Amino acid sequence: MKVLVIGATGAIGAPLVSQLVERGHEVVGTSRTLERAETLRELGAQPAVLDLLDRVAVRRLVLDTKPDAIAHQATALAGDVDFKRFAESLAPTNRLRAEGTDNLLAAADEAGVEQFVAQSFQPWRYARVGGPVKTEDDPTDNDPPEVVRETLEAIKYLERAVLDAGGIALRYGSFYGAPIDPLRDAVRERKVPIVGDGGGVWSLVHVDDAAAATVLALERGRTGAYNVADDDPAPVREVLPALAKALDAPPPRKVPAWLAKLFAGEVGVVMMTQLRGASNAKAKRELGWTLRYPSWRQGFDAVYERHLMRRDVHAAEAA
């Protein structure tokens, strides 16, 4: 196929481009700046500069490119999310999820694009009641923290629009393994404590595995939503110490919920104590998805061992 990847230089965009090229697809990849777009040539893709909020530019690119499929991976996330200013931090990405998605779907419809796959997000989506692991059919959280409401509404808007158009929404878990990895850096600097009982359940996925699921969705996926996470949803009290150990960092501190709320707000407390994980059974069954890292326990050791080796090499060179 000829695949247009929007947001091709992001955490999942870059490995997605690489895997599509490896499987013989022709890829056009976009980024917001010329400098970043040009890096896509090294991956075997044709680069393009695009502002997804520019409806005219989106239409022109899609009609000129004439892709068989579009992968919508655009976000405005470039690093840490400020939990005290969560709504403000996510506002640009939410606009891409709403207005940007509308622009892209309109152009795709006009161009007769056959397959449309879009990035959704799992961790904040499911109701924080009942069991610890949710399927795609479980209800949405209808009472999220106030600062999360705009983000959750944007996620729901994106999914409705994409599914109504016959596309696929991939509800990714939390990424790890990308070059820019805020959680890795924060845990290494001991900035992420275990809050309260650390009972919030996280579903994680290595970026290469997430990209592999996306390739399969483009090639064979049917209209619907899919959770894209590894096989091992686990509570924060297990994830954070394991990450610290893999990074050869001090173990995370433990703080009560009332104290965490002062410096991270309600959203930080909820994330650490109440989130639900996600089952990947549907994606594995319907897409034939096989994970390179079925559990973050394996993934952390493999990924961050390389990170430590690079750190030691840099230290030796500096000395």
C-alpha atoms as a PDB file:
ATOM      1  CA  MET A   1       0.000   0.000   0.000  1.00  0.00           C
ATOM      2  CA  LYS A   2       0.845   3.641  -0.136  1.00  0.00           C
ATOM      3  CA  VAL A   3       0.530   4.873   3.444  1.00  0.00           C
ATOM      4  CA  LEU A   4       0.413   8.461   4.637  1.00  0.00           C
ATOM      5  CA  VAL A   5       1.683   8.673   8.220  1.00  0.00           C
ATOM      6  CA  ILE A   6       0.685  11.880   9.989  1.00  0.00           C
ATOM      7  CA  GLY A   7       3.019  12.676  12.880  1.00  0.00           C
ATOM      8  CA  ALA A   8       5.715  10.405  11.483  1.00  0.00           C
ATOM      9  CA  THR A   9       8.566  11.691  13.651  1.00  0.00           C
ATOM     10  CA  GLY A  10       6.839  11.088  16.984  1.00  0.00           C
ATOM     11  CA  ALA A  11       7.347   8.330  19.545  1.00  0.00           C
ATOM     12  CA  ILE A  12       5.388   5.785  17.555  1.00  0.00           C
ATOM     13  CA  GLY A  13       5.547   7.472  14.152  1.00  0.00           C
ATOM     14  CA  ALA A  14       9.228   6.761  13.570  1.00  0.00           C
ATOM     15  CA  PRO A  15       9.125   3.008  14.320  1.00  0.00           C
ATOM     16  CA  LEU A  16       5.860   2.778  12.385  1.00  0.00           C
ATOM     17  CA  VAL A  17       7.486   4.274   9.306  1.00  0.00           C
ATOM     18  CA  SER A  18      10.445   1.892   9.620  1.00  0.00           C
ATOM     19  CA  GLN A  19       8.227  -1.171   9.910  1.00  0.00           C
ATOM     20  CA  LEU A  20       5.979  -0.151   7.033  1.00  0.00           C
ATOM     21  CA  VAL A  21       8.998   0.329   4.774  1.00  0.00           C
ATOM     22  CA  GLU A  22      10.424  -3.026   5.872  1.00  0.00           C
ATOM     23  CA  ARG A  23       7.155  -4.700   4.855  1.00  0.00           C
ATOM     24  CA  GLY A  24       7.315  -3.194   1.381  1.00  0.00           C
ATOM     25  CA  HIS A  25       4.847  -0.340   1.713  1.00  0.00           C
ATOM     26  CA  GLU A  26       5.430   3.062   0.160  1.00  0.00           C
ATOM     27  CA  VAL A  27       5.365   5.677   2.908  1.00  0.00           C
ATOM     28  CA  VAL A  28       4.854   9.427   2.969  1.00  0.00           C
ATOM     29  CA  GLY A  29       5.504  10.820   6.439  1.00  0.00           C
ATOM     30  CA  THR A  30       4.686  14.240   7.841  1.00  0.00           C
ATOM     31  CA  SER A  31       6.087  16.449  10.547  1.00  0.00           C
ATOM     32  CA  ARG A  32       5.403  20.030  11.549  1.00  0.00           C
ATOM     33  CA  THR A  33       8.908  21.262  10.691  1.00  0.00           C
ATOM     34  CA  LEU A  34      11.120  20.782   7.640  1.00  0.00           C
ATOM     35  CA  GLU A  35      14.119  19.785   9.764  1.00  0.00           C
ATOM     36  CA  ARG A  36      12.288  16.923  11.450  1.00  0.00           C
ATOM     37  CA  ALA A  37      10.511  15.865   8.263  1.00  0.00           C
ATOM     38  CA  GLU A  38      13.812  15.472   6.441  1.00  0.00           C
ATOM     39  CA  THR A  39      14.939  12.823   8.975  1.00  0.00           C
ATOM     40  CA  LEU A  40      12.306  10.523   7.457  1.00  0.00           C
ATOM     41  CA  ARG A  41      14.370  10.097   4.295  1.00  0.00           C
ATOM     42  CA  GLU A  42      16.832   7.997   6.288  1.00  0.00           C
ATOM     43  CA  LEU A  43      13.967   5.652   7.181  1.00  0.00           C
ATOM     44  CA  GLY A  44      12.991   5.229   3.542  1.00  0.00           C
ATOM     45  CA  ALA A  45       9.964   7.534   3.539  1.00  0.00           C
ATOM     46  CA  GLN A  46       9.072  10.575   1.472  1.00  0.00           C
ATOM     47  CA  PRO A  47       8.945  13.567   3.852  1.00  0.00           C
ATOM     48  CA  ALA A  48       6.279  16.263   3.933  1.00  0.00           C
ATOM     49  CA  VAL A  49       5.685  19.266   6.170  1.00  0.00           C
ATOM     50  CA  LEU A  50       2.139  19.616   7.450  1.00  0.00           C
ATOM     51  CA  ASP A  51       0.132  21.640   9.932  1.00  0.00           C
ATOM     52  CA  LEU A  52      -2.804  19.340  10.646  1.00  0.00           C
ATOM     53  CA  LEU A  53      -4.919  22.325  11.705  1.00  0.00           C
ATOM     54  CA  ASP A  54      -4.567  23.888   8.246  1.00  0.00           C
ATOM     55  CA  ARG A  55      -7.572  22.353   6.477  1.00  0.00           C
ATOM     56  CA  VAL A  56      -6.509  23.556   3.042  1.00  0.00           C
ATOM     57  CA  ALA A  57      -2.991  22.151   3.428  1.00  0.00           C
ATOM     58  CA  VAL A  58      -4.333  18.819   4.694  1.00  0.00           C
ATOM     59  CA  ARG A  59      -6.686  18.500   1.739  1.00  0.00           C
ATOM     60  CA  ARG A  60      -3.941  19.392  -0.723  1.00  0.00           C
ATOM     61  CA  LEU A  61      -1.487  16.846   0.712  1.00  0.00           C
ATOM     62  CA  VAL A  62      -3.988  13.986   0.812  1.00  0.00           C
ATOM     63  CA  LEU A  63      -5.276  14.640  -2.713  1.00  0.00           C
ATOM     64  CA  ASP A  64      -1.728  14.998  -4.057  1.00  0.00           C
ATOM     65  CA  THR A  65      -0.458  11.912  -2.227  1.00  0.00           C
ATOM     66  CA  LYS A  66      -3.445   9.673  -3.077  1.00  0.00           C
ATOM     67  CA  PRO A  67      -2.710   7.174  -0.276  1.00  0.00           C
ATOM     68  CA  ASP A  68      -4.403   3.809   0.112  1.00  0.00           C
ATOM     69  CA  ALA A  69      -4.258   4.216   3.892  1.00  0.00           C
ATOM     70  CA  ILE A  70      -3.697   6.929   6.497  1.00  0.00           C
ATOM     71  CA  ALA A  71      -2.200   6.502   9.964  1.00  0.00           C
ATOM     72  CA  HIS A  72      -3.098   9.473  12.174  1.00  0.00           C
ATOM     73  CA  GLN A  73      -0.399   9.659  14.873  1.00  0.00           C
ATOM     74  CA  ALA A  74      -0.275  13.412  15.428  1.00  0.00           C
ATOM     75  CA  THR A  75       0.152  14.793  18.939  1.00  0.00           C
ATOM     76  CA  ALA A  76       1.768  17.902  20.377  1.00  0.00           C
ATOM     77  CA  LEU A  77       3.490  16.028  23.198  1.00  0.00           C
ATOM     78  CA  ALA A  78       7.234  16.565  23.240  1.00  0.00           C
ATOM     79  CA  GLY A  79       8.208  15.751  26.822  1.00  0.00           C
ATOM     80  CA  ASP A  80       6.955  15.912  30.383  1.00  0.00           C
ATOM     81  CA  VAL A  81       3.303  16.595  31.157  1.00  0.00           C
ATOM     82  CA  ASP A  82       2.859  19.142  33.941  1.00  0.00           C
ATOM     83  CA  PHE A  83       0.271  17.492  36.192  1.00  0.00           C
ATOM     84  CA  LYS A  84      -0.413  20.742  38.018  1.00  0.00           C
ATOM     85  CA  ARG A  85      -1.298  22.258  34.617  1.00  0.00           C
ATOM     86  CA  PHE A  86      -2.577  19.081  32.988  1.00  0.00           C
ATOM     87  CA  ALA A  87      -5.400  20.678  30.987  1.00  0.00           C
ATOM     88  CA  GLU A  88      -3.098  23.360  29.554  1.00  0.00           C
ATOM     89  CA  SER A  89      -0.399  20.811  28.709  1.00  0.00           C
ATOM     90  CA  LEU A  90      -2.799  18.599  26.761  1.00  0.00           C
ATOM     91  CA  ALA A  91      -4.813  21.361  25.051  1.00  0.00           C
ATOM     92  CA  PRO A  92      -2.752  21.459  21.813  1.00  0.00           C
ATOM     93  CA  THR A  93      -2.957  17.672  21.456  1.00  0.00           C
ATOM     94  CA  ASN A  94      -6.693  17.735  22.133  1.00  0.00           C
ATOM     95  CA  ARG A  95      -7.143  20.226  19.328  1.00  0.00           C
ATOM     96  CA  LEU A  96      -5.309  17.857  16.982  1.00  0.00           C
ATOM     97  CA  ARG A  97      -7.576  15.025  18.143  1.00  0.00           C
ATOM     98  CA  ALA A  98     -10.687  17.025  17.325  1.00  0.00           C
ATOM     99  CA  GLU A  99     -10.126  19.666  14.638  1.00  0.00           C
ATOM    100  CA  GLY A 100      -7.128  17.894  13.123  1.00  0.00           C
ATOM    101  CA  THR A 101      -9.002  14.603  12.876  1.00  0.00           C
ATOM    102  CA  ASP A 102     -11.931  16.324  11.175  1.00  0.00           C
ATOM    103  CA  ASN A 103      -9.606  17.877   8.610  1.00  0.00           C
ATOM    104  CA  LEU A 104      -7.948  14.569   7.885  1.00  0.00           C
ATOM    105  CA  LEU A 105     -11.168  12.563   7.645  1.00  0.00           C
ATOM    106  CA  ALA A 106     -12.716  15.072   5.250  1.00  0.00           C
ATOM    107  CA  ALA A 107      -9.697  14.895   2.970  1.00  0.00           C
ATOM    108  CA  ALA A 108      -9.567  11.097   3.216  1.00  0.00           C
ATOM    109  CA  ASP A 109     -13.205  10.832   2.233  1.00  0.00           C
ATOM    110  CA  GLU A 110     -12.720  13.094  -0.770  1.00  0.00           C
ATOM    111  CA  ALA A 111      -9.659  11.153  -1.869  1.00  0.00           C
ATOM    112  CA  GLY A 112     -11.312   7.754  -1.442  1.00  0.00           C
ATOM    113  CA  VAL A 113      -8.801   6.489   1.132  1.00  0.00           C
ATOM    114  CA  GLU A 114      -9.573   2.843   1.916  1.00  0.00           C
ATOM    115  CA  GLN A 115      -8.134   2.464   5.425  1.00  0.00           C
ATOM    116  CA  PHE A 116      -7.889   5.001   8.259  1.00  0.00           C
ATOM    117  CA  VAL A 117      -6.183   4.224  11.577  1.00  0.00           C
ATOM    118  CA  ALA A 118      -5.939   6.784  14.372  1.00  0.00           C
ATOM    119  CA  GLN A 119      -4.119   7.050  17.677  1.00  0.00           C
ATOM    120  CA  SER A 120      -6.348   6.980  20.735  1.00  0.00           C
ATOM    121  CA  PHE A 121      -5.262   6.533  24.347  1.00  0.00           C
ATOM    122  CA  GLN A 122      -6.267   3.958  26.927  1.00  0.00           C
ATOM    123  CA  PRO A 123      -5.086   4.973  30.446  1.00  0.00           C
ATOM    124  CA  TRP A 124      -7.743   7.634  31.128  1.00  0.00           C
ATOM    125  CA  ARG A 125     -10.556   6.102  29.130  1.00  0.00           C
ATOM    126  CA  TYR A 126     -12.101   3.385  31.280  1.00  0.00           C
ATOM    127  CA  ALA A 127     -14.342   3.766  34.341  1.00  0.00           C
ATOM    128  CA  ARG A 128     -12.463   3.387  37.626  1.00  0.00           C
ATOM    129  CA  VAL A 129     -14.897   0.830  39.017  1.00  0.00           C
ATOM    130  CA  GLY A 130     -15.070  -2.943  38.896  1.00  0.00           C
ATOM    131  CA  GLY A 131     -12.150  -5.133  37.916  1.00  0.00           C
ATOM    132  CA  PRO A 132      -8.583  -3.952  37.293  1.00  0.00           C
ATOM    133  CA  VAL A 133      -8.427  -4.814  33.563  1.00  0.00           C
ATOM    134  CA  LYS A 134     -10.879  -3.549  30.939  1.00  0.00           C
ATOM    135  CA  THR A 135     -11.898  -4.643  27.454  1.00  0.00           C
ATOM    136  CA  GLU A 136     -12.928  -2.407  24.577  1.00  0.00           C
ATOM    137  CA  ASP A 137     -16.583  -2.918  25.512  1.00  0.00           C
ATOM    138  CA  ASP A 138     -16.238  -1.615  29.068  1.00  0.00           C
ATOM    139  CA  PRO A 139     -17.715   1.824  29.874  1.00  0.00           C
ATOM    140  CA  THR A 140     -15.888   5.120  29.731  1.00  0.00           C
ATOM    141  CA  ASP A 141     -15.018   7.022  32.886  1.00  0.00           C
ATOM    142  CA  ASN A 142     -17.911   9.491  33.180  1.00  0.00           C
ATOM    143  CA  ASP A 143     -16.524  11.225  36.257  1.00  0.00           C
ATOM    144  CA  PRO A 144     -12.831  11.920  35.590  1.00  0.00           C
ATOM    145  CA  PRO A 145     -10.845  14.559  37.463  1.00  0.00           C
ATOM    146  CA  GLU A 146     -11.889  18.008  36.295  1.00  0.00           C
ATOM    147  CA  VAL A 147      -8.584  18.730  34.553  1.00  0.00           C
ATOM    148  CA  VAL A 148      -8.836  15.480  32.551  1.00  0.00           C
ATOM    149  CA  ARG A 149     -12.331  16.093  31.164  1.00  0.00           C
ATOM    150  CA  GLU A 150     -11.290  18.045  28.094  1.00  0.00           C
ATOM    151  CA  THR A 151      -8.697  15.388  27.228  1.00  0.00           C
ATOM    152  CA  LEU A 152     -11.162  12.540  27.672  1.00  0.00           C
ATOM    153  CA  GLU A 153     -13.782  14.361  25.589  1.00  0.00           C
ATOM    154  CA  ALA A 154     -11.228  14.871  22.817  1.00  0.00           C
ATOM    155  CA  ILE A 155     -10.341  11.160  22.881  1.00  0.00           C
ATOM    156  CA  LYS A 156     -14.012  10.198  22.717  1.00  0.00           C
ATOM    157  CA  TYR A 157     -14.599  12.711  19.899  1.00  0.00           C
ATOM    158  CA  LEU A 158     -11.719  11.281  17.865  1.00  0.00           C
ATOM    159  CA  GLU A 159     -12.989   7.738  18.314  1.00  0.00           C
ATOM    160  CA  ARG A 160     -16.572   8.595  17.349  1.00  0.00           C
ATOM    161  CA  ALA A 161     -15.463  10.457  14.255  1.00  0.00           C
ATOM    162  CA  VAL A 162     -13.069   7.733  13.128  1.00  0.00           C
ATOM    163  CA  LEU A 163     -15.447   4.836  13.780  1.00  0.00           C
ATOM    164  CA  ASP A 164     -18.350   6.648  12.105  1.00  0.00           C
ATOM    165  CA  ALA A 165     -16.133   6.997   9.038  1.00  0.00           C
ATOM    166  CA  GLY A 166     -15.385   3.264   9.043  1.00  0.00           C
ATOM    167  CA  GLY A 167     -11.905   3.590  10.507  1.00  0.00           C
ATOM    168  CA  ILE A 168      -9.965   2.072  13.382  1.00  0.00           C
ATOM    169  CA  ALA A 169      -9.089   3.639  16.752  1.00  0.00           C
ATOM    170  CA  LEU A 170      -6.076   2.182  18.536  1.00  0.00           C
ATOM    171  CA  ARG A 171      -6.215   2.729  22.300  1.00  0.00           C
ATOM    172  CA  TYR A 172      -2.526   2.669  23.114  1.00  0.00           C
ATOM    173  CA  GLY A 173      -1.234   2.011  26.593  1.00  0.00           C
ATOM    174  CA  SER A 174       1.631   4.055  28.008  1.00  0.00           C
ATOM    175  CA  PHE A 175       4.665   3.982  25.730  1.00  0.00           C
ATOM    176  CA  TYR A 176       8.205   3.122  26.743  1.00  0.00           C
ATOM    177  CA  GLY A 177      11.344   2.554  24.701  1.00  0.00           C
ATOM    178  CA  ALA A 178      11.286   5.785  22.665  1.00  0.00           C
ATOM    179  CA  PRO A 179      14.341   8.086  22.544  1.00  0.00           C
ATOM    180  CA  ILE A 180      12.342  10.736  24.410  1.00  0.00           C
ATOM    181  CA  ASP A 181      11.063   8.935  27.514  1.00  0.00           C
ATOM    182  CA  PRO A 182       9.839  11.277  30.272  1.00  0.00           C
ATOM    183  CA  LEU A 183       8.924   8.488  32.694  1.00  0.00           C
ATOM    184  CA  ARG A 184      12.367   6.936  32.374  1.00  0.00           C
ATOM    185  CA  ASP A 185      14.076  10.239  33.063  1.00  0.00           C
ATOM    186  CA  ALA A 186      11.806  11.131  35.988  1.00  0.00           C
ATOM    187  CA  VAL A 187      12.231   7.742  37.670  1.00  0.00           C
ATOM    188  CA  ARG A 188      15.983   7.902  37.204  1.00  0.00           C
ATOM    189  CA  GLU A 189      15.993  11.268  38.991  1.00  0.00           C
ATOM    190  CA  ARG A 190      13.656   9.898  41.696  1.00  0.00           C
ATOM    191  CA  LYS A 191      10.916  12.381  40.852  1.00  0.00           C
ATOM    192  CA  VAL A 192       8.096   9.822  40.640  1.00  0.00           C
ATOM    193  CA  PRO A 193       6.956   8.413  44.003  1.00  0.00           C
ATOM    194  CA  ILE A 194       4.576   5.588  44.750  1.00  0.00           C
ATOM    195  CA  VAL A 195       1.447   7.362  45.949  1.00  0.00           C
ATOM    196  CA  GLY A 196      -0.755   5.805  48.607  1.00  0.00           C
ATOM    197  CA  ASP A 197      -1.116   2.073  48.034  1.00  0.00           C
ATOM    198  CA  GLY A 198       0.172   2.359  44.449  1.00  0.00           C
ATOM    199  CA  GLY A 199      -2.875   0.428  43.324  1.00  0.00           C
ATOM    200  CA  GLY A 200      -3.449   2.201  40.007  1.00  0.00           C
ATOM    201  CA  VAL A 201      -3.121  -0.366  37.217  1.00  0.00           C
ATOM    202  CA  TRP A 202      -0.954   0.626  34.276  1.00  0.00           C
ATOM    203  CA  SER A 203      -0.920  -0.980  30.850  1.00  0.00           C
ATOM    204  CA  LEU A 204       2.326  -0.353  29.021  1.00  0.00           C
ATOM    205  CA  VAL A 205       3.591  -1.142  25.543  1.00  0.00           C
ATOM    206  CA  HIS A 206       6.974  -0.846  23.891  1.00  0.00           C
ATOM    207  CA  VAL A 207       6.877   1.573  20.968  1.00  0.00           C
ATOM    208  CA  ASP A 208       8.065  -1.114  18.543  1.00  0.00           C
ATOM    209  CA  ASP A 209       5.228  -3.421  19.595  1.00  0.00           C
ATOM    210  CA  ALA A 210       2.738  -0.555  19.311  1.00  0.00           C
ATOM    211  CA  ALA A 211       4.014   0.168  15.810  1.00  0.00           C
ATOM    212  CA  ALA A 212       3.684  -3.509  14.875  1.00  0.00           C
ATOM    213  CA  ALA A 213       0.031  -3.511  15.954  1.00  0.00           C
ATOM    214  CA  THR A 214      -0.532  -0.366  13.897  1.00  0.00           C
ATOM    215  CA  VAL A 215       0.959  -1.948  10.788  1.00  0.00           C
ATOM    216  CA  LEU A 216      -1.382  -4.919  11.190  1.00  0.00           C
ATOM    217  CA  ALA A 217      -4.365  -2.607  11.703  1.00  0.00           C
ATOM    218  CA  LEU A 218      -3.501  -0.834   8.453  1.00  0.00           C
ATOM    219  CA  GLU A 219      -3.078  -4.091   6.569  1.00  0.00           C
ATOM    220  CA  ARG A 220      -5.972  -6.163   7.899  1.00  0.00           C
ATOM    221  CA  GLY A 221      -7.878  -4.361  10.652  1.00  0.00           C
ATOM    222  CA  ARG A 222     -11.658  -4.028  10.623  1.00  0.00           C
ATOM    223  CA  THR A 223     -13.610  -1.004  11.802  1.00  0.00           C
ATOM    224  CA  GLY A 224     -13.555  -0.744  15.570  1.00  0.00           C
ATOM    225  CA  ALA A 225     -11.484   0.077  18.634  1.00  0.00           C
ATOM    226  CA  TYR A 226      -8.545  -1.994  19.823  1.00  0.00           C
ATOM    227  CA  ASN A 227      -6.568  -1.847  23.065  1.00  0.00           C
ATOM    228  CA  VAL A 228      -2.866  -1.865  22.213  1.00  0.00           C
ATOM    229  CA  ALA A 229      -0.947  -2.809  25.350  1.00  0.00           C
ATOM    230  CA  ASP A 230       1.210  -5.681  26.511  1.00  0.00           C
ATOM    231  CA  ASP A 231       0.036  -8.838  28.292  1.00  0.00           C
ATOM    232  CA  ASP A 232       0.877  -7.636  31.787  1.00  0.00           C
ATOM    233  CA  PRO A 233      -1.293  -4.861  33.293  1.00  0.00           C
ATOM    234  CA  ALA A 234       0.171  -4.235  36.729  1.00  0.00           C
ATOM    235  CA  PRO A 235      -0.150  -1.904  39.713  1.00  0.00           C
ATOM    236  CA  VAL A 236       2.111   1.121  40.043  1.00  0.00           C
ATOM    237  CA  ARG A 237       3.705  -0.371  43.162  1.00  0.00           C
ATOM    238  CA  GLU A 238       5.204  -3.074  40.912  1.00  0.00           C
ATOM    239  CA  VAL A 239       5.982  -1.028  37.812  1.00  0.00           C
ATOM    240  CA  LEU A 240       7.933   1.854  39.329  1.00  0.00           C
ATOM    241  CA  PRO A 241      10.378  -0.185  41.464  1.00  0.00           C
ATOM    242  CA  ALA A 242      11.067  -2.472  38.495  1.00  0.00           C
ATOM    243  CA  LEU A 243      11.781   0.519  36.270  1.00  0.00           C
ATOM    244  CA  ALA A 244      14.096   2.043  38.874  1.00  0.00           C
ATOM    245  CA  LYS A 245      15.963  -1.251  39.181  1.00  0.00           C
ATOM    246  CA  ALA A 246      16.332  -1.565  35.401  1.00  0.00           C
ATOM    247  CA  LEU A 247      17.765   1.966  35.327  1.00  0.00           C
ATOM    248  CA  ASP A 248      20.121   1.277  38.237  1.00  0.00           C
ATOM    249  CA  ALA A 249      18.380   4.172  40.011  1.00  0.00           C
ATOM    250  CA  PRO A 250      17.335   4.560  43.665  1.00  0.00           C
ATOM    251  CA  PRO A 251      13.969   3.002  44.486  1.00  0.00           C
ATOM    252  CA  PRO A 252      10.985   5.361  44.295  1.00  0.00           C
ATOM    253  CA  ARG A 253       9.886   7.169  47.419  1.00  0.00           C
ATOM    254  CA  LYS A 254       6.509   6.459  48.998  1.00  0.00           C
ATOM    255  CA  VAL A 255       4.205   9.358  49.840  1.00  0.00           C
ATOM    256  CA  PRO A 256       0.627   9.561  51.148  1.00  0.00           C
ATOM    257  CA  ALA A 257      -2.112  10.613  48.757  1.00  0.00           C
ATOM    258  CA  TRP A 258      -2.824  13.895  50.572  1.00  0.00           C
ATOM    259  CA  LEU A 259       0.791  14.995  50.125  1.00  0.00           C
ATOM    260  CA  ALA A 260       0.969  13.943  46.474  1.00  0.00           C
ATOM    261  CA  LYS A 261      -2.157  15.951  45.774  1.00  0.00           C
ATOM    262  CA  LEU A 262      -0.346  19.132  46.864  1.00  0.00           C
ATOM    263  CA  PHE A 263       2.384  18.856  44.232  1.00  0.00           C
ATOM    264  CA  ALA A 264       0.748  16.728  41.505  1.00  0.00           C
ATOM    265  CA  GLY A 265      -2.925  17.581  41.923  1.00  0.00           C
ATOM    266  CA  GLU A 266      -5.854  15.177  41.869  1.00  0.00           C
ATOM    267  CA  VAL A 267      -4.862  13.866  38.458  1.00  0.00           C
ATOM    268  CA  GLY A 268      -1.524  12.607  39.790  1.00  0.00           C
ATOM    269  CA  VAL A 269      -3.181  10.819  42.686  1.00  0.00           C
ATOM    270  CA  VAL A 270      -5.786   9.179  40.456  1.00  0.00           C
ATOM    271  CA  MET A 271      -3.116   8.035  38.025  1.00  0.00           C
ATOM    272  CA  MET A 272      -1.181   6.357  40.839  1.00  0.00           C
ATOM    273  CA  THR A 273      -4.066   4.848  42.769  1.00  0.00           C
ATOM    274  CA  GLN A 274      -7.181   4.330  40.616  1.00  0.00           C
ATOM    275  CA  LEU A 275      -6.460   3.814  36.898  1.00  0.00           C
ATOM    276  CA  ARG A 276      -7.532   0.576  35.245  1.00  0.00           C
ATOM    277  CA  GLY A 277      -5.497  -1.490  32.838  1.00  0.00           C
ATOM    278  CA  ALA A 278      -6.520  -2.871  29.442  1.00  0.00           C
ATOM    279  CA  SER A 279      -6.861  -6.312  27.898  1.00  0.00           C
ATOM    280  CA  ASN A 280      -5.129  -6.799  24.544  1.00  0.00           C
ATOM    281  CA  ALA A 281      -6.991 -10.007  23.701  1.00  0.00           C
ATOM    282  CA  LYS A 282      -8.986  -8.464  20.839  1.00  0.00           C
ATOM    283  CA  ALA A 283      -5.934  -7.020  19.087  1.00  0.00           C
ATOM    284  CA  LYS A 284      -4.054 -10.309  19.392  1.00  0.00           C
ATOM    285  CA  ARG A 285      -7.037 -12.326  18.189  1.00  0.00           C
ATOM    286  CA  GLU A 286      -8.256 -10.161  15.318  1.00  0.00           C
ATOM    287  CA  LEU A 287      -4.996  -8.644  14.094  1.00  0.00           C
ATOM    288  CA  GLY A 288      -2.718 -11.623  14.702  1.00  0.00           C
ATOM    289  CA  TRP A 289      -0.507  -9.370  16.805  1.00  0.00           C
ATOM    290  CA  THR A 290       2.551 -10.988  18.424  1.00  0.00           C
ATOM    291  CA  LEU A 291       4.530  -8.890  20.877  1.00  0.00           C
ATOM    292  CA  ARG A 292       8.289  -8.747  20.989  1.00  0.00           C
ATOM    293  CA  TYR A 293       7.989  -7.801  24.659  1.00  0.00           C
ATOM    294  CA  PRO A 294       4.888  -9.531  26.075  1.00  0.00           C
ATOM    295  CA  SER A 295       5.603  -7.916  29.444  1.00  0.00           C
ATOM    296  CA  TRP A 296       7.200  -4.660  30.479  1.00  0.00           C
ATOM    297  CA  ARG A 297       9.213  -6.790  32.930  1.00  0.00           C
ATOM    298  CA  GLN A 298      11.171  -8.196  29.990  1.00  0.00           C
ATOM    299  CA  GLY A 299      11.039  -4.965  28.057  1.00  0.00           C
ATOM    300  CA  PHE A 300      12.488  -2.788  30.806  1.00  0.00           C
ATOM    301  CA  ASP A 301      15.502  -5.063  31.238  1.00  0.00           C
ATOM    302  CA  ALA A 302      16.191  -5.229  27.501  1.00  0.00           C
ATOM    303  CA  VAL A 303      15.606  -1.554  26.688  1.00  0.00           C
ATOM    304  CA  TYR A 304      17.202   0.095  29.671  1.00  0.00           C
ATOM    305  CA  GLU A 305      20.225  -2.166  29.715  1.00  0.00           C
ATOM    306  CA  ARG A 306      21.140  -0.547  26.405  1.00  0.00           C
ATOM    307  CA  HIS A 307      20.410   2.859  27.917  1.00  0.00           C
ATOM    308  CA  LEU A 308      22.806   2.163  30.796  1.00  0.00           C
ATOM    309  CA  MET A 309      25.484   0.982  28.398  1.00  0.00           C
ATOM    310  CA  ARG A 310      25.226   4.220  26.416  1.00  0.00           C
ATOM    311  CA  ARG A 311      25.367   6.222  29.645  1.00  0.00           C
ATOM    312  CA  ASP A 312      28.531   4.417  30.743  1.00  0.00           C
ATOM    313  CA  VAL A 313      30.158   4.960  27.334  1.00  0.00           C
ATOM    314  CA  HIS A 314      29.378   8.708  27.479  1.00  0.00           C
ATOM    315  CA  ALA A 315      30.770   8.919  31.007  1.00  0.00           C
ATOM    316  CA  ALA A 316      33.973   7.194  29.955  1.00  0.00           C
ATOM    317  CA  GLU A 317      34.363   9.502  26.962  1.00  0.00           C
ATOM    318  CA  ALA A 318      33.857  12.559  29.177  1.00  0.00           C
ATOM    319  CA  ALA A 319      36.492  11.330  31.611  1.00  0.00           C
END
